Structures are given as structure tokens and as C-alpha cells.
C-alpha atoms as a PDB file:
ATOM      1  CA  MET A   1      -4.029  13.246  18.423  1.00  0.00           C
ATOM      2  CA  ASP A   2      -0.351  12.480  18.682  1.00  0.00           C
ATOM      3  CA  CYS A   3       0.659   8.836  19.031  1.00  0.00           C
ATOM      4  CA  THR A   4       1.991   7.847  22.430  1.00  0.00           C
ATOM      5  CA  THR A   5       2.654   4.136  21.783  1.00  0.00           C
ATOM      6  CA  VAL A   6       5.081   3.330  18.933  1.00  0.00           C
ATOM      7  CA  LYS A   7       5.244   6.568  16.875  1.00  0.00           C
ATOM      8  CA  PRO A   8       5.784   9.360  19.405  1.00  0.00           C
ATOM      9  CA  ASP A   9       4.982  12.932  18.283  1.00  0.00           C
ATOM     10  CA  THR A  10       3.263  11.686  15.104  1.00  0.00           C
ATOM     11  CA  GLU A  11      -0.337  12.540  14.259  1.00  0.00           C
ATOM     12  CA  CYS A  12      -2.469   9.375  14.388  1.00  0.00           C
ATOM     13  CA  VAL A  13      -6.182   8.929  13.670  1.00  0.00           C
ATOM     14  CA  PHE A  14      -6.368   5.897  15.981  1.00  0.00           C
ATOM     15  CA  MET A  15      -5.209   7.720  19.116  1.00  0.00           C
ATOM     16  CA  THR A  16      -7.908   8.589  21.622  1.00  0.00           C
ATOM     17  CA  LYS A  17      -7.799   9.874  25.168  1.00  0.00           C
ATOM     18  CA  LYS A  18      -7.949   6.230  26.300  1.00  0.00           C
ATOM     19  CA  GLY A  19      -4.988   5.218  24.107  1.00  0.00           C
ATOM     20  CA  CYS A  20      -4.597   3.565  20.721  1.00  0.00           C
ATOM     21  CA  SER A  21      -7.892   2.268  19.338  1.00  0.00           C
ATOM     22  CA  PHE A  22      -6.317   0.193  16.559  1.00  0.00           C
ATOM     23  CA  ASN A  23      -6.589  -3.599  16.612  1.00  0.00           C
ATOM     24  CA  GLY A  24      -4.298  -4.773  19.390  1.00  0.00           C
ATOM     25  CA  GLY A  25      -3.741  -1.270  20.765  1.00  0.00           C
ATOM     26  CA  THR A  26      -0.698  -0.531  18.633  1.00  0.00           C
ATOM     27  CA  CYS A  27       0.469  -0.190  15.031  1.00  0.00           C
ATOM     28  CA  HIS A  28       2.286  -3.144  13.502  1.00  0.00           C
ATOM     29  CA  ALA A  29       5.852  -3.006  12.185  1.00  0.00           C
ATOM     30  CA  ILE A  30       6.562  -3.125   8.458  1.00  0.00           C
ATOM     31  CA  VAL A  31       6.955  -6.412   6.609  1.00  0.00           C
ATOM     32  CA  GLU A  32       9.793  -7.437   4.281  1.00  0.00           C
ATOM     33  CA  GLN A  33       7.952  -6.231   1.148  1.00  0.00           C
ATOM     34  CA  CYS A  34       7.811  -2.683   2.585  1.00  0.00           C
ATOM     35  CA  GLU A  35      11.592  -2.247   2.598  1.00  0.00           C
ATOM     36  CA  GLY A  36      12.582   0.549   0.227  1.00  0.00           C
ATOM     37  CA  CYS A  37       9.242   2.363   0.401  1.00  0.00           C
ATOM     38  CA  ASP A  38       9.261   6.130   0.997  1.00  0.00           C
ATOM     39  CA  ARG A  39       6.370   5.806   3.459  1.00  0.00           C
ATOM     40  CA  THR A  40       8.373   3.848   6.040  1.00  0.00           C
ATOM     41  CA  SER A  41       9.919   5.688   8.963  1.00  0.00           C
ATOM     42  CA  LYS A  42      12.295   4.730  11.741  1.00  0.00           C
ATOM     43  CA  PHE A  43      10.964   5.255  15.260  1.00  0.00           C
ATOM     44  CA  PRO A  44      12.569   4.316  18.589  1.00  0.00           C
ATOM     45  CA  SER A  45      10.515   1.113  18.649  1.00  0.00           C
ATOM     46  CA  GLY A  46      11.333   0.075  15.049  1.00  0.00           C
ATOM     47  CA  TRP A  47      10.288   0.675  11.428  1.00  0.00           C
ATOM     48  CA  TYR A  48       6.643   1.571  10.792  1.00  0.00           C
ATOM     49  CA  CYS A  49       4.520   2.630   7.823  1.00  0.00           C
ATOM     50  CA  THR A  50       3.290   6.228   7.992  1.00  0.00           C
ATOM     51  CA  ALA A  51       0.247   5.465   5.803  1.00  0.00           C
ATOM     52  CA  CYS A  52      -1.061   2.163   7.155  1.00  0.00           C
ATOM     53  CA  PRO A  53      -1.178   0.782  10.719  1.00  0.00           C
ATOM     54  CA  ASP A  54      -0.956  -2.875   9.585  1.00  0.00           C
ATOM     55  CA  PRO A  55       1.191  -3.213   6.428  1.00  0.00           C
ATOM     56  CA  SER A  56       0.905  -7.006   6.262  1.00  0.00           C
ATOM     57  CA  LEU A  57      -2.778  -6.689   5.352  1.00  0.00           C
ATOM     58  CA  LYS A  58      -1.928  -4.441   2.395  1.00  0.00           C
ATOM     59  CA  TRP A  59       0.394  -7.078   0.902  1.00  0.00           C
ATOM     60  CA  LYS A  60      -1.975 -10.016   1.467  1.00  0.00           C
ATOM     61  CA  ARG A  61      -3.670  -9.817  -1.962  1.00  0.00           C
ATOM     62  CA  GLY A  62      -0.817  -8.530  -4.103  1.00  0.00           C
ATOM     63  CA  ASN A  63       1.008  -5.208  -4.116  1.00  0.00           C
ATOM     64  CA  CYS A  64       0.301  -2.550  -1.511  1.00  0.00           C
ATOM     65  CA  ASN A  65      -1.507   0.433  -3.006  1.00  0.00           C
ATOM     66  CA  PHE A  66       0.599   2.801  -0.871  1.00  0.00           C
ATOM     67  CA  ALA A  67       3.954   1.330  -1.961  1.00  0.00           C
ATOM     68  CA  THR A  68       6.188   3.916  -3.639  1.00  0.00           C
ATOM     69  CA  HIS A  69       8.940   1.479  -4.548  1.00  0.00           C
ATOM     70  CA  VAL A  70       6.773  -0.891  -6.608  1.00  0.00           C
ATOM     71  CA  LYS A  71       6.212  -0.002 -10.232  1.00  0.00           C
ATOM     72  CA  ASP A  72       2.794  -0.912 -11.566  1.00  0.00           C
ATOM     73  CA  THR A  73       3.218  -2.989 -14.675  1.00  0.00           C
ATOM     74  CA  ALA A  74       0.129  -2.039 -16.609  1.00  0.00           C
ATOM     75  CA  LYS A  75      -0.945  -4.633 -19.086  1.00  0.00           C
ATOM     76  CA  SER A  76      -0.733  -3.322 -22.597  1.00  0.00           C
ATOM     77  CA  LYS A  77      -4.097  -3.233 -24.234  1.00  0.00           C
ATOM     78  CA  VAL A  78      -4.099  -5.550 -27.214  1.00  0.00           C
ATOM     79  CA  ASP A  79      -6.686  -4.610 -29.780  1.00  0.00           C
ATOM     80  CA  LYS A  80      -8.320  -7.797 -30.998  1.00  0.00           C
ATOM     81  CA  THR A  81      -9.550  -7.755 -34.573  1.00  0.00           C
ATOM     82  CA  ASN A  82     -12.133 -10.023 -36.017  1.00  0.00           C
ATOM     83  CA  PRO A  83     -10.428 -11.746 -39.007  1.00  0.00           C
ATOM     84  CA  LEU A  84     -13.686 -11.844 -40.988  1.00  0.00           C
ATOM     85  CA  LYS A  85     -14.243  -8.114 -40.633  1.00  0.00           C
ATOM     86  CA  ALA A  86     -10.604  -7.408 -41.457  1.00  0.00           C
ATOM     87  CA  SER A  87     -10.835  -9.390 -44.709  1.00  0.00           C
ATOM     88  CA  LYS A  88     -13.984  -7.487 -45.682  1.00  0.00           C
ATOM     89  CA  ARG A  89     -12.248  -4.160 -45.072  1.00  0.00           C
ATOM     90  CA  ASN A  90      -9.305  -5.174 -47.219  1.00  0.00           C
ATOM     91  CA  ALA A  91     -11.623  -6.286 -50.069  1.00  0.00           C
ATOM     92  CA  HIS A  92     -12.840  -2.729 -50.713  1.00  0.00           C
END
């Protein structure tokens, strides 16, 4: 159904015939870490995330998995070598 609370004319999975069924009855505005993300949209009532109804929960334990503006710094895999095995390989 289309949202009738904070995101008018936007499809929302939380909207029912009785109104918004999300916690508190409405989506929550974006937090500071969300600024610059492609998933944020301006609505008459403010800036909201189009992917998540409560963005602050997504940032609670690190980076949001929906964030498009955050680059994932993958840890480079360091291949550990056993020095004893390496010396045996070099002996042959």
C-alpha cells in the first residue's frame, strides 16, 4: 500500500488499512551517517531512507548494509607461512 504518513505516494510494506504498522506508527528520519547515501529521499516531512524505516538501527553496530556512500574496506588476506615448512621447501 502507499504510505499516508511521512512518505506520501510511496509504496510501503508497513502500511495497512489501519495505518502504519511500524514501531511508533511512522518511519524515522535519517541520521547524520546517512547523509550522502543514494537511498535517502526528501519528502514534505523531511529526509527519509527508502530502504529502511529506522536508519539509526542500521548504524548501531557499524556501517549500514544499505549505504551506497560507504566503501567497504575489505581486509587483504595475508597468507601466513610456517617458517619450518618454508625452510624445508627451500632445502630441496
